Amino acid sequence: MEIKICGPGCAKCDKAYKIVEKVAAEKGVEATITKVSDFQEIAKLGVFSTPAVVFDGEVKCVGKVPSESEVSSWLG
């Protein structure tokens, strides 16, 4: 599974990254979690507001930090 956290590196982006990382570890999900800060790359994903979370190419969350329960449901 590939998870991308999109944003310029602000506090909200960092928080989203930490939440995704924590929930993935708790569920034992093997995932590559990367930060995407290049706005051209972010726009190619169809994201125009940050922070955003993208799971395997599917945008799951835009413009807010997801809750742990939201991330857990996305991980299945």
N, C-alpha and C. Protein backbone atom coordinates (compact mmCIF):
# COMPACT_ATOMS: atom_id res chain seq x y z
N MET A 1 0.84 -1.17 0.00
CA MET A 1 0.00 0.00 0.00
C MET A 1 0.88 1.23 0.00
N GLU A 2 0.50 2.21 -0.80
CA GLU A 2 1.24 3.46 -0.87
C GLU A 2 0.34 4.59 -0.37
N ILE A 3 0.82 5.30 0.63
CA ILE A 3 0.06 6.40 1.22
C ILE A 3 0.88 7.67 1.06
N LYS A 4 0.23 8.71 0.54
CA LYS A 4 0.90 10.00 0.37
C LYS A 4 0.20 11.05 1.23
N ILE A 5 1.02 11.82 1.94
CA ILE A 5 0.51 12.95 2.71
C ILE A 5 0.94 14.20 1.94
N CYS A 6 -0.01 14.95 1.45
CA CYS A 6 0.28 16.10 0.61
C CYS A 6 0.18 17.40 1.40
N GLY A 7 1.20 18.24 1.24
CA GLY A 7 1.18 19.54 1.88
C GLY A 7 2.57 20.15 1.93
N PRO A 8 2.64 21.43 2.27
CA PRO A 8 3.92 22.15 2.25
C PRO A 8 4.84 21.83 3.43
N GLY A 9 4.37 21.06 4.38
CA GLY A 9 5.20 20.75 5.55
C GLY A 9 4.77 21.52 6.79
N CYS A 10 3.54 21.98 6.78
CA CYS A 10 3.01 22.75 7.92
C CYS A 10 2.67 21.81 9.09
N ALA A 11 2.28 22.38 10.19
CA ALA A 11 1.97 21.60 11.39
C ALA A 11 0.82 20.61 11.13
N LYS A 12 -0.19 21.03 10.39
CA LYS A 12 -1.32 20.13 10.10
C LYS A 12 -0.89 18.96 9.23
N CYS A 13 0.00 19.23 8.30
CA CYS A 13 0.52 18.15 7.43
C CYS A 13 1.31 17.15 8.26
N ASP A 14 2.13 17.66 9.16
CA ASP A 14 2.92 16.79 10.04
C ASP A 14 2.01 15.95 10.93
N LYS A 15 0.94 16.56 11.43
CA LYS A 15 0.00 15.84 12.29
C LYS A 15 -0.69 14.72 11.50
N ALA A 16 -1.10 15.02 10.27
CA ALA A 16 -1.74 14.01 9.42
C ALA A 16 -0.78 12.85 9.19
N TYR A 17 0.48 13.15 8.94
CA TYR A 17 1.49 12.10 8.72
C TYR A 17 1.61 11.22 9.95
N LYS A 18 1.71 11.84 11.12
CA LYS A 18 1.87 11.09 12.36
C LYS A 18 0.67 10.20 12.65
N ILE A 19 -0.53 10.69 12.39
CA ILE A 19 -1.74 9.90 12.62
C ILE A 19 -1.76 8.69 11.69
N VAL A 20 -1.48 8.90 10.42
CA VAL A 20 -1.48 7.79 9.45
C VAL A 20 -0.42 6.76 9.84
N GLU A 21 0.77 7.24 10.19
CA GLU A 21 1.86 6.35 10.59
C GLU A 21 1.49 5.54 11.82
N LYS A 22 0.89 6.19 12.81
CA LYS A 22 0.51 5.52 14.07
C LYS A 22 -0.55 4.44 13.83
N VAL A 23 -1.60 4.78 13.09
CA VAL A 23 -2.69 3.84 12.87
C VAL A 23 -2.22 2.66 12.02
N ALA A 24 -1.39 2.92 11.01
CA ALA A 24 -0.86 1.83 10.18
C ALA A 24 -0.03 0.87 11.03
N ALA A 25 0.79 1.41 11.92
CA ALA A 25 1.62 0.58 12.80
C ALA A 25 0.74 -0.23 13.76
N GLU A 26 -0.28 0.40 14.33
CA GLU A 26 -1.18 -0.29 15.26
C GLU A 26 -1.92 -1.44 14.59
N LYS A 27 -2.29 -1.24 13.33
CA LYS A 27 -3.04 -2.28 12.60
C LYS A 27 -2.12 -3.30 11.93
N GLY A 28 -0.81 -3.05 11.98
CA GLY A 28 0.13 -3.96 11.37
C GLY A 28 0.09 -3.94 9.85
N VAL A 29 -0.32 -2.81 9.28
CA VAL A 29 -0.42 -2.67 7.83
C VAL A 29 0.93 -2.25 7.27
N GLU A 30 1.39 -3.00 6.27
CA GLU A 30 2.63 -2.62 5.60
C GLU A 30 2.30 -1.58 4.56
N ALA A 31 2.86 -0.39 4.76
CA ALA A 31 2.58 0.71 3.84
C ALA A 31 3.81 1.58 3.70
N THR A 32 3.96 2.14 2.51
CA THR A 32 4.98 3.14 2.28
C THR A 32 4.30 4.48 2.43
N ILE A 33 4.72 5.24 3.42
CA ILE A 33 4.10 6.54 3.69
C ILE A 33 5.10 7.62 3.31
N THR A 34 4.70 8.47 2.37
CA THR A 34 5.60 9.53 1.92
C THR A 34 4.92 10.89 2.02
N LYS A 35 5.75 11.91 2.17
CA LYS A 35 5.26 13.29 2.17
C LYS A 35 5.48 13.85 0.76
N VAL A 36 4.48 14.52 0.25
CA VAL A 36 4.59 15.16 -1.06
C VAL A 36 4.42 16.66 -0.84
N SER A 37 5.48 17.42 -1.10
CA SER A 37 5.41 18.86 -0.86
C SER A 37 5.50 19.68 -2.15
N ASP A 38 5.78 19.01 -3.27
CA ASP A 38 5.86 19.70 -4.56
C ASP A 38 4.43 19.97 -5.04
N PHE A 39 4.08 21.24 -5.17
CA PHE A 39 2.70 21.59 -5.51
C PHE A 39 2.28 21.09 -6.89
N GLN A 40 3.22 20.93 -7.82
CA GLN A 40 2.86 20.37 -9.12
C GLN A 40 2.48 18.89 -8.98
N GLU A 41 3.22 18.17 -8.15
CA GLU A 41 2.90 16.76 -7.91
C GLU A 41 1.56 16.64 -7.19
N ILE A 42 1.33 17.52 -6.21
CA ILE A 42 0.06 17.52 -5.47
C ILE A 42 -1.10 17.77 -6.43
N ALA A 43 -0.94 18.75 -7.32
CA ALA A 43 -2.00 19.08 -8.28
C ALA A 43 -2.26 17.92 -9.24
N LYS A 44 -1.21 17.17 -9.62
CA LYS A 44 -1.39 16.01 -10.49
C LYS A 44 -2.27 14.94 -9.85
N LEU A 45 -2.26 14.92 -8.51
CA LEU A 45 -3.11 13.97 -7.78
C LEU A 45 -4.55 14.46 -7.68
N GLY A 46 -4.81 15.68 -8.17
CA GLY A 46 -6.15 16.26 -8.11
C GLY A 46 -6.45 16.93 -6.79
N VAL A 47 -5.40 17.29 -6.07
CA VAL A 47 -5.55 17.92 -4.75
C VAL A 47 -5.24 19.40 -4.87
N PHE A 48 -6.14 20.24 -4.35
CA PHE A 48 -5.91 21.68 -4.43
C PHE A 48 -6.06 22.36 -3.07
N SER A 49 -6.12 21.57 -2.02
CA SER A 49 -6.17 22.08 -0.65
C SER A 49 -5.42 21.08 0.23
N THR A 50 -4.65 21.60 1.16
CA THR A 50 -3.87 20.71 2.02
C THR A 50 -4.21 20.94 3.48
N PRO A 51 -3.91 19.98 4.34
CA PRO A 51 -3.30 18.69 4.04
C PRO A 51 -4.27 17.76 3.32
N ALA A 52 -3.71 16.80 2.62
CA ALA A 52 -4.51 15.79 1.93
C ALA A 52 -3.86 14.43 2.13
N VAL A 53 -4.68 13.40 2.15
CA VAL A 53 -4.20 12.03 2.31
C VAL A 53 -4.67 11.22 1.11
N VAL A 54 -3.71 10.53 0.48
CA VAL A 54 -4.00 9.75 -0.72
C VAL A 54 -3.56 8.30 -0.48
N PHE A 55 -4.51 7.36 -0.61
CA PHE A 55 -4.24 5.93 -0.43
C PHE A 55 -4.26 5.27 -1.80
N ASP A 56 -3.14 4.70 -2.22
CA ASP A 56 -3.05 3.99 -3.50
C ASP A 56 -3.70 4.78 -4.64
N GLY A 57 -3.41 6.08 -4.70
CA GLY A 57 -3.91 6.91 -5.78
C GLY A 57 -5.31 7.48 -5.57
N GLU A 58 -5.99 7.07 -4.52
CA GLU A 58 -7.35 7.54 -4.24
C GLU A 58 -7.30 8.59 -3.13
N VAL A 59 -7.78 9.80 -3.44
CA VAL A 59 -7.79 10.88 -2.46
C VAL A 59 -8.85 10.57 -1.41
N LYS A 60 -8.41 10.48 -0.14
CA LYS A 60 -9.33 10.13 0.94
C LYS A 60 -9.72 11.34 1.78
N CYS A 61 -8.86 12.35 1.85
CA CYS A 61 -9.10 13.46 2.75
C CYS A 61 -8.42 14.70 2.18
N VAL A 62 -9.14 15.83 2.16
CA VAL A 62 -8.58 17.08 1.63
C VAL A 62 -8.93 18.24 2.55
N GLY A 63 -7.93 19.05 2.88
CA GLY A 63 -8.18 20.29 3.61
C GLY A 63 -8.35 20.14 5.11
N LYS A 64 -8.07 18.94 5.63
CA LYS A 64 -8.18 18.76 7.09
C LYS A 64 -7.32 17.57 7.52
N VAL A 65 -7.06 17.53 8.81
CA VAL A 65 -6.33 16.40 9.38
C VAL A 65 -7.34 15.29 9.67
N PRO A 66 -7.11 14.09 9.16
CA PRO A 66 -8.07 13.01 9.41
C PRO A 66 -7.97 12.51 10.85
N SER A 67 -9.08 11.98 11.34
CA SER A 67 -9.07 11.39 12.67
C SER A 67 -8.48 9.98 12.59
N GLU A 68 -8.08 9.45 13.74
CA GLU A 68 -7.54 8.09 13.76
C GLU A 68 -8.59 7.09 13.28
N SER A 69 -9.85 7.30 13.64
CA SER A 69 -10.90 6.36 13.23
C SER A 69 -11.11 6.40 11.70
N GLU A 70 -10.98 7.59 11.10
CA GLU A 70 -11.10 7.69 9.64
C GLU A 70 -9.98 6.89 8.97
N VAL A 71 -8.77 7.11 9.43
CA VAL A 71 -7.61 6.42 8.86
C VAL A 71 -7.76 4.91 9.05
N SER A 72 -8.22 4.50 10.21
CA SER A 72 -8.42 3.08 10.49
C SER A 72 -9.41 2.47 9.50
N SER A 73 -10.49 3.18 9.19
CA SER A 73 -11.49 2.65 8.26
C SER A 73 -10.92 2.55 6.84
N TRP A 74 -10.05 3.48 6.47
CA TRP A 74 -9.44 3.43 5.14
C TRP A 74 -8.47 2.26 5.02
N LEU A 75 -7.85 1.90 6.13
CA LEU A 75 -6.88 0.80 6.12
C LEU A 75 -7.57 -0.56 6.15
N GLY A 76 -8.86 -0.56 6.44
CA GLY A 76 -9.64 -1.80 6.42
C GLY A 76 -9.52 -2.64 7.65
